[in-house]
């Protein structure tokens, strides 16, 4: 009787475990995508303030799956859906390039603040 139980336990242990489902409690924040980090496990963004959570800032955010970064280019304006508990990025939606974002703080060179669209000039 032990063999069938051990075989069943081995099959369960070796089965492909599906990835965890994205969280149900999320929030959306707009940002400028800067670059991928840690081999695609995270992304560096300059994001707008998250009400009642944190001010606008540049920070690295973990991504639910590296595939979320596949279609992004530096400087892209994005709407990030975040797990409200961990702040992990669970979805990325590209915004129109002329989207104006309210970003802070300014860096030592005076850059930062409101990001205006690039007019190509």
PDB file of N, CA and C in Angstrom:
ATOM      1  N   UNK A   1       0.812  -1.194   0.000  1.00  0.00           N
ATOM      2  CA  UNK A   1       0.000   0.000   0.000  1.00  0.00           C
ATOM      3  C   UNK A   1       0.856   1.259   0.000  1.00  0.00           C
ATOM      4  N   UNK A   2       2.081   1.174   0.496  1.00  0.00           N
ATOM      5  CA  UNK A   2       2.952   2.344   0.542  1.00  0.00           C
ATOM      6  C   UNK A   2       3.361   2.806  -0.844  1.00  0.00           C
ATOM      7  N   UNK A   3       3.625   1.869  -1.743  1.00  0.00           N
ATOM      8  CA  UNK A   3       4.090   2.264  -3.071  1.00  0.00           C
ATOM      9  C   UNK A   3       3.112   3.190  -3.785  1.00  0.00           C
ATOM     10  N   UNK A   4       1.829   2.873  -3.857  1.00  0.00           N
ATOM     11  CA  UNK A   4       0.900   3.781  -4.539  1.00  0.00           C
ATOM     12  C   UNK A   4       0.861   5.170  -3.888  1.00  0.00           C
ATOM     13  N   UNK A   5       0.925   5.235  -2.572  1.00  0.00           N
ATOM     14  CA  UNK A   5       0.911   6.533  -1.901  1.00  0.00           C
ATOM     15  C   UNK A   5       2.172   7.321  -2.223  1.00  0.00           C
ATOM     16  N   UNK A   6       3.327   6.654  -2.228  1.00  0.00           N
ATOM     17  CA  UNK A   6       4.584   7.325  -2.560  1.00  0.00           C
ATOM     18  C   UNK A   6       4.577   7.777  -4.013  1.00  0.00           C
ATOM     19  N   UNK A   7       4.056   6.949  -4.902  1.00  0.00           N
ATOM     20  CA  UNK A   7       3.986   7.312  -6.316  1.00  0.00           C
ATOM     21  C   UNK A   7       3.080   8.522  -6.502  1.00  0.00           C
ATOM     22  N   UNK A   8       1.959   8.544  -5.818  1.00  0.00           N
ATOM     23  CA  UNK A   8       1.046   9.677  -5.912  1.00  0.00           C
ATOM     24  C   UNK A   8       1.705  10.940  -5.374  1.00  0.00           C
ATOM     25  N   UNK A   9       2.406  10.840  -4.269  1.00  0.00           N
ATOM     26  CA  UNK A   9       3.096  11.992  -3.698  1.00  0.00           C
ATOM     27  C   UNK A   9       4.166  12.502  -4.660  1.00  0.00           C
ATOM     28  N   UNK A  10       4.877  11.599  -5.317  1.00  0.00           N
ATOM     29  CA  UNK A  10       5.915  12.002  -6.274  1.00  0.00           C
ATOM     30  C   UNK A  10       5.294  12.697  -7.476  1.00  0.00           C
ATOM     31  N   UNK A  11       4.167  12.194  -7.963  1.00  0.00           N
ATOM     32  CA  UNK A  11       3.502  12.832  -9.095  1.00  0.00           C
ATOM     33  C   UNK A  11       3.032  14.240  -8.744  1.00  0.00           C
ATOM     34  N   UNK A  12       2.476  14.390  -7.567  1.00  0.00           N
ATOM     35  CA  UNK A  12       2.009  15.710  -7.136  1.00  0.00           C
ATOM     36  C   UNK A  12       3.188  16.660  -7.002  1.00  0.00           C
ATOM     37  N   UNK A  13       4.292  16.203  -6.421  1.00  0.00           N
ATOM     38  CA  UNK A  13       5.466  17.048  -6.217  1.00  0.00           C
ATOM     39  C   UNK A  13       6.100  17.456  -7.537  1.00  0.00           C
ATOM     40  N   UNK A  14       6.023  16.626  -8.568  1.00  0.00           N
ATOM     41  CA  UNK A  14       6.663  16.906  -9.846  1.00  0.00           C
ATOM     42  C   UNK A  14       5.748  17.614 -10.832  1.00  0.00           C
ATOM     43  N   UNK A  15       4.482  17.743 -10.506  1.00  0.00           N
ATOM     44  CA  UNK A  15       3.563  18.375 -11.454  1.00  0.00           C
ATOM     45  C   UNK A  15       3.901  19.844 -11.623  1.00  0.00           C
ATOM     46  N   UNK A  16       3.560  20.356 -12.787  1.00  0.00           N
ATOM     47  CA  UNK A  16       3.784  21.773 -13.041  1.00  0.00           C
ATOM     48  C   UNK A  16       2.811  22.578 -12.194  1.00  0.00           C
ATOM     49  N   UNK A  17       3.362  23.436 -11.380  1.00  0.00           N
ATOM     50  CA  UNK A  17       2.526  24.282 -10.541  1.00  0.00           C
ATOM     51  C   UNK A  17       2.255  25.561 -11.317  1.00  0.00           C
ATOM     52  N   UNK A  18       0.986  25.912 -11.532  1.00  0.00           N
ATOM     53  CA  UNK A  18       0.698  27.130 -12.285  1.00  0.00           C
ATOM     54  C   UNK A  18       1.177  28.351 -11.499  1.00  0.00           C
ATOM     55  N   UNK A  19       1.547  29.423 -12.218  1.00  0.00           N
ATOM     56  CA  UNK A  19       1.985  30.618 -11.517  1.00  0.00           C
ATOM     57  C   UNK A  19       0.851  31.188 -10.679  1.00  0.00           C
ATOM     58  N   UNK A  20       1.216  31.904  -9.641  1.00  0.00           N
ATOM     59  CA  UNK A  20       0.218  32.523  -8.772  1.00  0.00           C
ATOM     60  C   UNK A  20      -0.627  33.510  -9.574  1.00  0.00           C
ATOM     61  N   UNK A  21      -1.866  33.621  -9.212  1.00  0.00           N
ATOM     62  CA  UNK A  21      -2.766  34.561  -9.877  1.00  0.00           C
ATOM     63  C   UNK A  21      -2.407  35.986  -9.466  1.00  0.00           C
ATOM     64  N   UNK A  22      -2.561  36.947 -10.377  1.00  0.00           N
ATOM     65  CA  UNK A  22      -2.351  38.337  -9.984  1.00  0.00           C
ATOM     66  C   UNK A  22      -3.306  38.696  -8.847  1.00  0.00           C
ATOM     67  N   UNK A  23      -2.914  39.634  -8.006  1.00  0.00           N
ATOM     68  CA  UNK A  23      -3.742  39.983  -6.849  1.00  0.00           C
ATOM     69  C   UNK A  23      -5.050  40.642  -7.259  1.00  0.00           C
ATOM     70  N   UNK A  24      -6.033  40.567  -6.370  1.00  0.00           N
ATOM     71  CA  UNK A  24      -7.325  41.188  -6.668  1.00  0.00           C
ATOM     72  C   UNK A  24      -7.357  42.652  -6.247  1.00  0.00           C
ATOM     73  N   UNK A  25      -6.544  43.043  -5.266  1.00  0.00           N
ATOM     74  CA  UNK A  25      -6.512  44.437  -4.808  1.00  0.00           C
ATOM     75  C   UNK A  25      -5.361  45.154  -5.508  1.00  0.00           C
ATOM     76  N   UNK A  26      -5.705  46.050  -6.425  1.00  0.00           N
ATOM     77  CA  UNK A  26      -4.678  46.736  -7.204  1.00  0.00           C
ATOM     78  C   UNK A  26      -4.899  48.240  -7.190  1.00  0.00           C
ATOM     79  N   UNK A  27      -3.885  48.956  -7.657  1.00  0.00           N
ATOM     80  CA  UNK A  27      -3.995  50.386  -7.867  1.00  0.00           C
ATOM     81  C   UNK A  27      -3.233  50.721  -9.139  1.00  0.00           C
ATOM     82  N   UNK A  28      -3.561  51.841  -9.739  1.00  0.00           N
ATOM     83  CA  UNK A  28      -2.934  52.248 -10.993  1.00  0.00           C
ATOM     84  C   UNK A  28      -2.151  53.530 -10.759  1.00  0.00           C
ATOM     85  N   UNK A  29      -0.927  53.567 -11.268  1.00  0.00           N
ATOM     86  CA  UNK A  29      -0.095  54.763 -11.180  1.00  0.00           C
ATOM     87  C   UNK A  29       0.529  55.014 -12.550  1.00  0.00           C
ATOM     88  N   UNK A  30       0.629  56.292 -12.918  1.00  0.00           N
ATOM     89  CA  UNK A  30       1.247  56.651 -14.203  1.00  0.00           C
ATOM     90  C   UNK A  30       2.722  56.936 -13.978  1.00  0.00           C
ATOM     91  N   UNK A  31       3.537  56.626 -14.997  1.00  0.00           N
ATOM     92  CA  UNK A  31       4.983  56.753 -14.842  1.00  0.00           C
ATOM     93  C   UNK A  31       5.669  56.888 -16.191  1.00  0.00           C
ATOM     94  N   UNK A  32       6.954  57.217 -16.123  1.00  0.00           N
ATOM     95  CA  UNK A  32       7.837  57.158 -17.280  1.00  0.00           C
ATOM     96  C   UNK A  32       8.734  55.944 -17.071  1.00  0.00           C
ATOM     97  N   UNK A  33       8.773  55.067 -18.065  1.00  0.00           N
ATOM     98  CA  UNK A  33       9.640  53.885 -18.002  1.00  0.00           C
ATOM     99  C   UNK A  33      11.071  54.313 -18.275  1.00  0.00           C
ATOM    100  N   UNK A  34      11.995  53.925 -17.396  1.00  0.00           N
ATOM    101  CA  UNK A  34      13.403  54.297 -17.551  1.00  0.00           C
ATOM    102  C   UNK A  34      14.198  53.141 -18.162  1.00  0.00           C
ATOM    103  N   UNK A  35      14.149  51.967 -17.520  1.00  0.00           N
ATOM    104  CA  UNK A  35      14.907  50.817 -18.031  1.00  0.00           C
ATOM    105  C   UNK A  35      14.545  49.557 -17.259  1.00  0.00           C
ATOM    106  N   UNK A  36      14.860  48.378 -17.859  1.00  0.00           N
ATOM    107  CA  UNK A  36      14.669  47.134 -17.112  1.00  0.00           C
ATOM    108  C   UNK A  36      15.796  46.994 -16.091  1.00  0.00           C
ATOM    109  N   UNK A  37      15.545  46.221 -15.060  1.00  0.00           N
ATOM    110  CA  UNK A  37      16.566  45.971 -14.045  1.00  0.00           C
ATOM    111  C   UNK A  37      16.550  44.495 -13.651  1.00  0.00           C
ATOM    112  N   UNK A  38      17.662  44.037 -13.125  1.00  0.00           N
ATOM    113  CA  UNK A  38      17.781  42.687 -12.570  1.00  0.00           C
ATOM    114  C   UNK A  38      17.325  41.609 -13.552  1.00  0.00           C
ATOM    115  N   UNK A  39      17.797  41.722 -14.786  1.00  0.00           N
ATOM    116  CA  UNK A  39      17.488  40.710 -15.787  1.00  0.00           C
ATOM    117  C   UNK A  39      16.017  40.607 -16.135  1.00  0.00           C
ATOM    118  N   UNK A  40      15.291  41.710 -16.036  1.00  0.00           N
ATOM    119  CA  UNK A  40      13.875  41.712 -16.361  1.00  0.00           C
ATOM    120  C   UNK A  40      12.965  41.414 -15.180  1.00  0.00           C
ATOM    121  N   UNK A  41      13.531  41.235 -14.002  1.00  0.00           N
ATOM    122  CA  UNK A  41      12.722  40.967 -12.813  1.00  0.00           C
ATOM    123  C   UNK A  41      12.101  42.244 -12.235  1.00  0.00           C
ATOM    124  N   UNK A  42      12.608  43.402 -12.677  1.00  0.00           N
ATOM    125  CA  UNK A  42      12.115  44.683 -12.169  1.00  0.00           C
ATOM    126  C   UNK A  42      12.242  45.730 -13.262  1.00  0.00           C
ATOM    127  N   UNK A  43      11.633  46.883 -13.010  1.00  0.00           N
ATOM    128  CA  UNK A  43      11.728  48.000 -13.939  1.00  0.00           C
ATOM    129  C   UNK A  43      11.988  49.272 -13.137  1.00  0.00           C
ATOM    130  N   UNK A  44      12.822  50.153 -13.694  1.00  0.00           N
ATOM    131  CA  UNK A  44      13.068  51.448 -13.085  1.00  0.00           C
ATOM    132  C   UNK A  44      12.108  52.430 -13.720  1.00  0.00           C
ATOM    133  N   UNK A  45      11.342  53.137 -12.894  1.00  0.00           N
ATOM    134  CA  UNK A  45      10.367  54.104 -13.381  1.00  0.00           C
ATOM    135  C   UNK A  45      10.471  55.387 -12.566  1.00  0.00           C
ATOM    136  N   UNK A  46       9.981  56.449 -13.153  1.00  0.00           N
ATOM    137  CA  UNK A  46       9.793  57.714 -12.460  1.00  0.00           C
ATOM    138  C   UNK A  46       8.280  57.882 -12.414  1.00  0.00           C
ATOM    139  N   UNK A  47       7.675  57.694 -11.236  1.00  0.00           N
ATOM    140  CA  UNK A  47       6.212  57.647 -11.159  1.00  0.00           C
ATOM    141  C   UNK A  47       5.614  58.859 -10.457  1.00  0.00           C
ATOM    142  N   UNK A  48       4.351  59.096 -10.779  1.00  0.00           N
ATOM    143  CA  UNK A  48       3.594  60.134 -10.093  1.00  0.00           C
ATOM    144  C   UNK A  48       3.314  59.683  -8.661  1.00  0.00           C
ATOM    145  N   UNK A  49       2.847  60.612  -7.836  1.00  0.00           N
ATOM    146  CA  UNK A  49       2.510  60.274  -6.459  1.00  0.00           C
ATOM    147  C   UNK A  49       1.444  59.182  -6.419  1.00  0.00           C
ATOM    148  N   UNK A  50       1.545  58.324  -5.422  1.00  0.00           N
ATOM    149  CA  UNK A  50       0.525  57.318  -5.158  1.00  0.00           C
ATOM    150  C   UNK A  50      -0.234  57.838  -3.939  1.00  0.00           C
ATOM    151  N   UNK A  51      -1.467  58.318  -4.146  1.00  0.00           N
ATOM    152  CA  UNK A  51      -2.208  58.947  -3.045  1.00  0.00           C
ATOM    153  C   UNK A  51      -2.238  58.090  -1.781  1.00  0.00           C
ATOM    154  N   UNK A  52      -1.971  58.722  -0.673  1.00  0.00           N
ATOM    155  CA  UNK A  52      -1.964  58.095   0.654  1.00  0.00           C
ATOM    156  C   UNK A  52      -0.912  56.995   0.815  1.00  0.00           C
ATOM    157  N   UNK A  53       0.057  56.907  -0.124  1.00  0.00           N
ATOM    158  CA  UNK A  53       1.093  55.874  -0.038  1.00  0.00           C
ATOM    159  C   UNK A  53       2.489  56.460  -0.086  1.00  0.00           C
ATOM    160  N   UNK A  54       2.786  57.240  -1.161  1.00  0.00           N
ATOM    161  CA  UNK A  54       4.135  57.777  -1.306  1.00  0.00           C
ATOM    162  C   UNK A  54       4.137  58.911  -2.315  1.00  0.00           C
ATOM    163  N   UNK A  55       5.127  59.801  -2.193  1.00  0.00           N
ATOM    164  CA  UNK A  55       5.219  60.902  -3.153  1.00  0.00           C
ATOM    165  C   UNK A  55       5.765  60.397  -4.486  1.00  0.00           C
ATOM    166  N   UNK A  56       5.715  61.257  -5.479  1.00  0.00           N
ATOM    167  CA  UNK A  56       6.312  60.935  -6.778  1.00  0.00           C
ATOM    168  C   UNK A  56       7.812  60.724  -6.570  1.00  0.00           C
ATOM    169  N   UNK A  57       8.358  59.742  -7.270  1.00  0.00           N
ATOM    170  CA  UNK A  57       9.793  59.459  -7.133  1.00  0.00           C
ATOM    171  C   UNK A  57      10.248  58.499  -8.218  1.00  0.00           C
ATOM    172  N   UNK A  58      11.561  58.329  -8.306  1.00  0.00           N
ATOM    173  CA  UNK A  58      12.130  57.312  -9.186  1.00  0.00           C
ATOM    174  C   UNK A  58      12.439  56.104  -8.327  1.00  0.00           C
ATOM    175  N   UNK A  59      11.996  54.934  -8.774  1.00  0.00           N
ATOM    176  CA  UNK A  59      12.247  53.717  -8.004  1.00  0.00           C
ATOM    177  C   UNK A  59      12.144  52.478  -8.888  1.00  0.00           C
ATOM    178  N   UNK A  60      12.717  51.403  -8.390  1.00  0.00           N
ATOM    179  CA  UNK A  60      12.608  50.106  -9.056  1.00  0.00           C
ATOM    180  C   UNK A  60      11.374  49.391  -8.525  1.00  0.00           C
ATOM    181  N   UNK A  61      10.621  48.790  -9.433  1.00  0.00           N
ATOM    182  CA  UNK A  61       9.441  48.015  -9.062  1.00  0.00           C
ATOM    183  C   UNK A  61       9.581  46.609  -9.638  1.00  0.00           C
ATOM    184  N   UNK A  62       9.328  45.602  -8.813  1.00  0.00           N
ATOM    185  CA  UNK A  62       9.326  44.215  -9.301  1.00  0.00           C
ATOM    186  C   UNK A  62       8.168  44.036 -10.279  1.00  0.00           C
ATOM    187  N   UNK A  63       8.365  43.157 -11.263  1.00  0.00           N
ATOM    188  CA  UNK A  63       7.316  42.867 -12.229  1.00  0.00           C
ATOM    189  C   UNK A  63       6.813  41.436 -12.038  1.00  0.00           C
ATOM    190  N   UNK A  64       5.522  41.247 -12.268  1.00  0.00           N
ATOM    191  CA  UNK A  64       4.880  39.942 -12.119  1.00  0.00           C
ATOM    192  C   UNK A  64       5.507  38.930 -13.062  1.00  0.00           C
ATOM    193  N   UNK A  65       5.804  39.376 -14.285  1.00  0.00           N
ATOM    194  CA  UNK A  65       6.466  38.535 -15.271  1.00  0.00           C
ATOM    195  C   UNK A  65       7.336  39.422 -16.159  1.00  0.00           C
ATOM    196  N   UNK A  66       8.553  38.980 -16.509  1.00  0.00           N
ATOM    197  CA  UNK A  66       9.427  39.794 -17.363  1.00  0.00           C
ATOM    198  C   UNK A  66       8.806  40.158 -18.706  1.00  0.00           C
ATOM    199  N   UNK A  67       7.838  39.387 -19.179  1.00  0.00           N
ATOM    200  CA  UNK A  67       7.191  39.677 -20.466  1.00  0.00           C
ATOM    201  C   UNK A  67       6.504  41.038 -20.469  1.00  0.00           C
ATOM    202  N   UNK A  68       6.183  41.569 -19.302  1.00  0.00           N
ATOM    203  CA  UNK A  68       5.557  42.892 -19.227  1.00  0.00           C
ATOM    204  C   UNK A  68       6.461  43.985 -19.798  1.00  0.00           C
ATOM    205  N   UNK A  69       7.760  43.733 -19.840  1.00  0.00           N
ATOM    206  CA  UNK A  69       8.715  44.736 -20.304  1.00  0.00           C
ATOM    207  C   UNK A  69       9.037  44.623 -21.789  1.00  0.00           C
ATOM    208  N   UNK A  70       8.570  43.573 -22.436  1.00  0.00           N
ATOM    209  CA  UNK A  70       8.965  43.282 -23.819  1.00  0.00           C
ATOM    210  C   UNK A  70       8.720  44.409 -24.809  1.00  0.00           C
ATOM    211  N   UNK A  71       7.617  45.099 -24.704  1.00  0.00           N
ATOM    212  CA  UNK A  71       7.282  46.107 -25.709  1.00  0.00           C
ATOM    213  C   UNK A  71       7.607  47.533 -25.276  1.00  0.00           C
ATOM    214  N   UNK A  72       8.277  47.705 -24.142  1.00  0.00           N
ATOM    215  CA  UNK A  72       8.549  49.052 -23.635  1.00  0.00           C
ATOM    216  C   UNK A  72       9.868  49.604 -24.159  1.00  0.00           C
ATOM    217  N   UNK A  73       9.885  50.905 -24.393  1.00  0.00           N
ATOM    218  CA  UNK A  73      11.111  51.607 -24.773  1.00  0.00           C
ATOM    219  C   UNK A  73      11.365  52.706 -23.759  1.00  0.00           C
ATOM    220  N   UNK A  74      12.632  53.091 -23.608  1.00  0.00           N
ATOM    221  CA  UNK A  74      12.982  54.150 -22.660  1.00  0.00           C
ATOM    222  C   UNK A  74      12.172  55.403 -22.947  1.00  0.00           C
ATOM    223  N   UNK A  75      11.645  56.006 -21.899  1.00  0.00           N
ATOM    224  CA  UNK A  75      10.879  57.232 -22.035  1.00  0.00           C
ATOM    225  C   UNK A  75       9.400  57.028 -22.280  1.00  0.00           C
ATOM    226  N   UNK A  76       8.963  55.780 -22.441  1.00  0.00           N
ATOM    227  CA  UNK A  76       7.543  55.510 -22.671  1.00  0.00           C
ATOM    228  C   UNK A  76       6.731  55.939 -21.456  1.00  0.00           C
ATOM    229  N   UNK A  77       5.589  56.565 -21.727  1.00  0.00           N
ATOM    230  CA  UNK A  77       4.648  56.893 -20.660  1.00  0.00           C
ATOM    231  C   UNK A  77       3.771  55.666 -20.473  1.00  0.00           C
ATOM    232  N   UNK A  78       3.596  55.241 -19.223  1.00  0.00           N
ATOM    233  CA  UNK A  78       2.880  54.005 -18.951  1.00  0.00           C
ATOM    234  C   UNK A  78       1.918  54.172 -17.777  1.00  0.00           C
ATOM    235  N   UNK A  79       0.874  53.368 -17.783  1.00  0.00           N
ATOM    236  CA  UNK A  79      -0.017  53.213 -16.632  1.00  0.00           C
ATOM    237  C   UNK A  79       0.293  51.835 -16.057  1.00  0.00           C
ATOM    238  N   UNK A  80       0.745  51.803 -14.827  1.00  0.00           N
ATOM    239  CA  UNK A  80       1.141  50.562 -14.169  1.00  0.00           C
ATOM    240  C   UNK A  80       0.045  50.120 -13.217  1.00  0.00           C
ATOM    241  N   UNK A  81      -0.377  48.881 -13.344  1.00  0.00           N
ATOM    242  CA  UNK A  81      -1.291  48.300 -12.371  1.00  0.00           C
ATOM    243  C   UNK A  81      -0.430  47.573 -11.359  1.00  0.00           C
ATOM    244  N   UNK A  82      -0.552  47.978 -10.096  1.00  0.00           N
ATOM    245  CA  UNK A  82       0.284  47.444  -9.023  1.00  0.00           C
ATOM    246  C   UNK A  82      -0.544  46.638  -8.034  1.00  0.00           C
ATOM    247  N   UNK A  83       0.048  45.575  -7.508  1.00  0.00           N
ATOM    248  CA  UNK A  83      -0.516  44.877  -6.358  1.00  0.00           C
ATOM    249  C   UNK A  83      -0.491  45.888  -5.218  1.00  0.00           C
ATOM    250  N   UNK A  84      -1.628  46.174  -4.622  1.00  0.00           N
ATOM    251  CA  UNK A  84      -1.677  47.239  -3.619  1.00  0.00           C
ATOM    252  C   UNK A  84      -0.893  46.908  -2.349  1.00  0.00           C
ATOM    253  N   UNK A  85      -0.623  45.644  -2.090  1.00  0.00           N
ATOM    254  CA  UNK A  85       0.145  45.277  -0.899  1.00  0.00           C
ATOM    255  C   UNK A  85       1.649  45.317  -1.156  1.00  0.00           C
ATOM    256  N   UNK A  86       2.098  44.677  -2.237  1.00  0.00           N
ATOM    257  CA  UNK A  86       3.541  44.554  -2.492  1.00  0.00           C
ATOM    258  C   UNK A  86       4.095  45.611  -3.438  1.00  0.00           C
ATOM    259  N   UNK A  87       3.212  46.302  -4.158  1.00  0.00           N
ATOM    260  CA  UNK A  87       3.572  47.251  -5.219  1.00  0.00           C
ATOM    261  C   UNK A  87       4.268  46.573  -6.401  1.00  0.00           C
ATOM    262  N   UNK A  88       4.095  45.265  -6.562  1.00  0.00           N
ATOM    263  CA  UNK A  88       4.611  44.552  -7.726  1.00  0.00           C
ATOM    264  C   UNK A  88       3.760  44.924  -8.936  1.00  0.00           C
ATOM    265  N   UNK A  89       4.412  45.144 -10.082  1.00  0.00           N
ATOM    266  CA  UNK A  89       3.705  45.498 -11.320  1.00  0.00           C
ATOM    267  C   UNK A  89       3.067  44.238 -11.893  1.00  0.00           C
ATOM    268  N   UNK A  90       1.734  44.273 -12.044  1.00  0.00           N
ATOM    269  CA  UNK A  90       1.019  43.118 -12.588  1.00  0.00           C
ATOM    270  C   UNK A  90       0.517  43.369 -14.006  1.00  0.00           C
ATOM    271  N   UNK A  91       0.512  44.646 -14.438  1.00  0.00           N
ATOM    272  CA  UNK A  91       0.121  44.954 -15.813  1.00  0.00           C
ATOM    273  C   UNK A  91       0.707  46.308 -16.194  1.00  0.00           C
ATOM    274  N   UNK A  92       1.031  46.453 -17.491  1.00  0.00           N
ATOM    275  CA  UNK A  92       1.570  47.705 -18.016  1.00  0.00           C
ATOM    276  C   UNK A  92       0.767  48.076 -19.249  1.00  0.00           C
ATOM    277  N   UNK A  93       0.293  49.305 -19.287  1.00  0.00           N
ATOM    278  CA  UNK A  93      -0.419  49.823 -20.452  1.00  0.00           C
ATOM    279  C   UNK A  93       0.329  51.059 -20.933  1.00  0.00           C
ATOM    280  N   UNK A  94       0.683  51.081 -22.208  1.00  0.00           N
ATOM    281  CA  UNK A  94       1.384  52.234 -22.770  1.00  0.00           C
ATOM    282  C   UNK A  94       0.397  53.369 -22.983  1.00  0.00           C
ATOM    283  N   UNK A  95       0.796  54.571 -22.560  1.00  0.00           N
ATOM    284  CA  UNK A  95      -0.020  55.768 -22.724  1.00  0.00           C
ATOM    285  C   UNK A  95       0.460  56.532 -23.955  1.00  0.00           C
ATOM    286  N   UNK A  96      -0.349  57.423 -24.497  1.00  0.00           N
ATOM    287  CA  UNK A  96       0.107  58.244 -25.628  1.00  0.00           C
ATOM    288  C   UNK A  96       1.370  59.021 -25.248  1.00  0.00           C
ATOM    289  N   UNK A  97       2.250  59.200 -26.227  1.00  0.00           N
ATOM    290  CA  UNK A  97       3.523  59.850 -25.954  1.00  0.00           C
ATOM    291  C   UNK A  97       3.360  61.286 -25.470  1.00  0.00           C
ATOM    292  N   UNK A  98       2.249  61.934 -25.815  1.00  0.00           N
ATOM    293  CA  UNK A  98       2.051  63.321 -25.390  1.00  0.00           C
ATOM    294  C   UNK A  98       1.403  63.428 -24.007  1.00  0.00           C
ATOM    295  N   UNK A  99       1.272  62.308 -23.279  1.00  0.00           N
ATOM    296  CA  UNK A  99       0.736  62.328 -21.925  1.00  0.00           C
ATOM    297  C   UNK A  99       1.646  63.159 -21.026  1.00  0.00           C
ATOM    298  N   UNK A 100       1.060  64.076 -20.277  1.00  0.00           N
ATOM    299  CA  UNK A 100       1.814  64.930 -19.364  1.00  0.00           C
ATOM    300  C   UNK A 100       1.719  64.334 -17.960  1.00  0.00           C
ATOM    301  N   UNK A 101       2.872  64.115 -17.331  1.00  0.00           N
ATOM    302  CA  UNK A 101       2.926  63.524 -15.997  1.00  0.00           C
ATOM    303  C   UNK A 101       3.453  64.538 -14.991  1.00  0.00           C
ATOM    304  N   UNK A 102       2.972  64.463 -13.766  1.00  0.00           N
ATOM    305  CA  UNK A 102       3.416  65.339 -12.691  1.00  0.00           C
ATOM    306  C   UNK A 102       4.407  64.561 -11.826  1.00  0.00           C
ATOM    307  N   UNK A 103       5.699  64.766 -12.112  1.00  0.00           N
ATOM    308  CA  UNK A 103       6.750  63.996 -11.450  1.00  0.00           C
ATOM    309  C   UNK A 103       7.603  64.875 -10.555  1.00  0.00           C
ATOM    310  N   UNK A 104       8.048  64.323  -9.472  1.00  0.00           N
ATOM    311  CA  UNK A 104       8.947  64.963  -8.531  1.00  0.00           C
ATOM    312  C   UNK A 104       9.882  63.893  -8.029  1.00  0.00           C
ATOM    313  N   UNK A 105      10.908  64.163  -7.348  1.00  0.00           N
ATOM    314  CA  UNK A 105      11.492  65.491  -7.171  1.00  0.00           C
ATOM    315  C   UNK A 105      12.447  65.805  -8.304  1.00  0.00           C
ATOM    316  N   UNK A 106      12.911  66.996  -8.348  1.00  0.00           N
ATOM    317  CA  UNK A 106      13.912  67.376  -9.343  1.00  0.00           C
ATOM    318  C   UNK A 106      15.262  66.814  -8.917  1.00  0.00           C
ATOM    319  N   UNK A 107      16.064  66.408  -9.904  1.00  0.00           N
ATOM    320  CA  UNK A 107      17.392  65.897  -9.563  1.00  0.00           C
ATOM    321  C   UNK A 107      18.382  67.052  -9.471  1.00  0.00           C
ATOM    322  N   UNK A 108      19.647  66.742  -9.220  1.00  0.00           N
ATOM    323  CA  UNK A 108      20.661  67.774  -9.015  1.00  0.00           C
ATOM    324  C   UNK A 108      20.839  68.685 -10.228  1.00  0.00           C
ATOM    325  N   UNK A 109      20.520  68.207 -11.424  1.00  0.00           N
ATOM    326  CA  UNK A 109      20.680  69.022 -12.627  1.00  0.00           C
ATOM    327  C   UNK A 109      19.458  69.915 -12.871  1.00  0.00           C
ATOM    328  N   UNK A 110      18.440  69.793 -12.014  1.00  0.00           N
ATOM    329  CA  UNK A 110      17.238  70.589 -12.196  1.00  0.00           C
ATOM    330  C   UNK A 110      16.193  69.904 -13.049  1.00  0.00           C
ATOM    331  N   UNK A 111      16.518  68.703 -13.557  1.00  0.00           N
ATOM    332  CA  UNK A 111      15.529  67.966 -14.353  1.00  0.00           C
ATOM    333  C   UNK A 111      14.523  67.313 -13.426  1.00  0.00           C
ATOM    334  N   UNK A 112      13.381  67.003 -13.958  1.00  0.00           N
ATOM    335  CA  UNK A 112      12.332  66.382 -13.167  1.00  0.00           C
ATOM    336  C   UNK A 112      11.097  67.239 -13.226  1.00  0.00           C
ATOM    337  N   UNK A 113      10.256  67.125 -12.244  1.00  0.00           N
ATOM    338  CA  UNK A 113       9.034  67.906 -12.244  1.00  0.00           C
ATOM    339  C   UNK A 113       8.079  67.388 -13.292  1.00  0.00           C
ATOM    340  N   UNK A 114       7.349  68.292 -13.910  1.00  0.00           N
ATOM    341  CA  UNK A 114       6.360  67.892 -14.910  1.00  0.00           C
ATOM    342  C   UNK A 114       7.065  67.463 -16.186  1.00  0.00           C
ATOM    343  N   UNK A 115       6.732  66.269 -16.672  1.00  0.00           N
ATOM    344  CA  UNK A 115       7.316  65.761 -17.913  1.00  0.00           C
ATOM    345  C   UNK A 115       6.412  66.185 -19.058  1.00  0.00           C
ATOM    346  N   UNK A 116       6.955  66.995 -19.945  1.00  0.00           N
ATOM    347  CA  UNK A 116       6.223  67.441 -21.110  1.00  0.00           C
ATOM    348  C   UNK A 116       6.556  66.540 -22.282  1.00  0.00           C
ATOM    349  N   UNK A 117       5.663  66.428 -23.248  1.00  0.00           N
ATOM    350  CA  UNK A 117       5.965  65.577 -24.401  1.00  0.00           C
ATOM    351  C   UNK A 117       7.132  66.148 -25.207  1.00  0.00           C
ATOM    352  N   UNK A 118       7.920  65.250 -25.791  1.00  0.00           N
ATOM    353  CA  UNK A 118       9.025  65.649 -26.649  1.00  0.00           C
ATOM    354  C   UNK A 118       8.460  66.054 -28.002  1.00  0.00           C
ATOM    355  N   UNK A 119       8.732  67.276 -28.405  1.00  0.00           N
ATOM    356  CA  UNK A 119       8.200  67.768 -29.680  1.00  0.00           C
ATOM    357  C   UNK A 119       9.159  67.516 -30.825  1.00  0.00           C
ATOM    358  N   UNK A 120      10.268  66.846 -30.543  1.00  0.00           N
ATOM    359  CA  UNK A 120      11.230  66.526 -31.592  1.00  0.00           C
ATOM    360  C   UNK A 120      12.131  67.671 -31.953  1.00  0.00           C
ATOM    361  N   UNK A 121      12.120  68.750 -31.199  1.00  0.00           N
ATOM    362  CA  UNK A 121      12.914  69.930 -31.536  1.00  0.00           C
ATOM    363  C   UNK A 121      14.159  70.072 -30.838  1.00  0.00           C
TER     364      UNK A 121
END
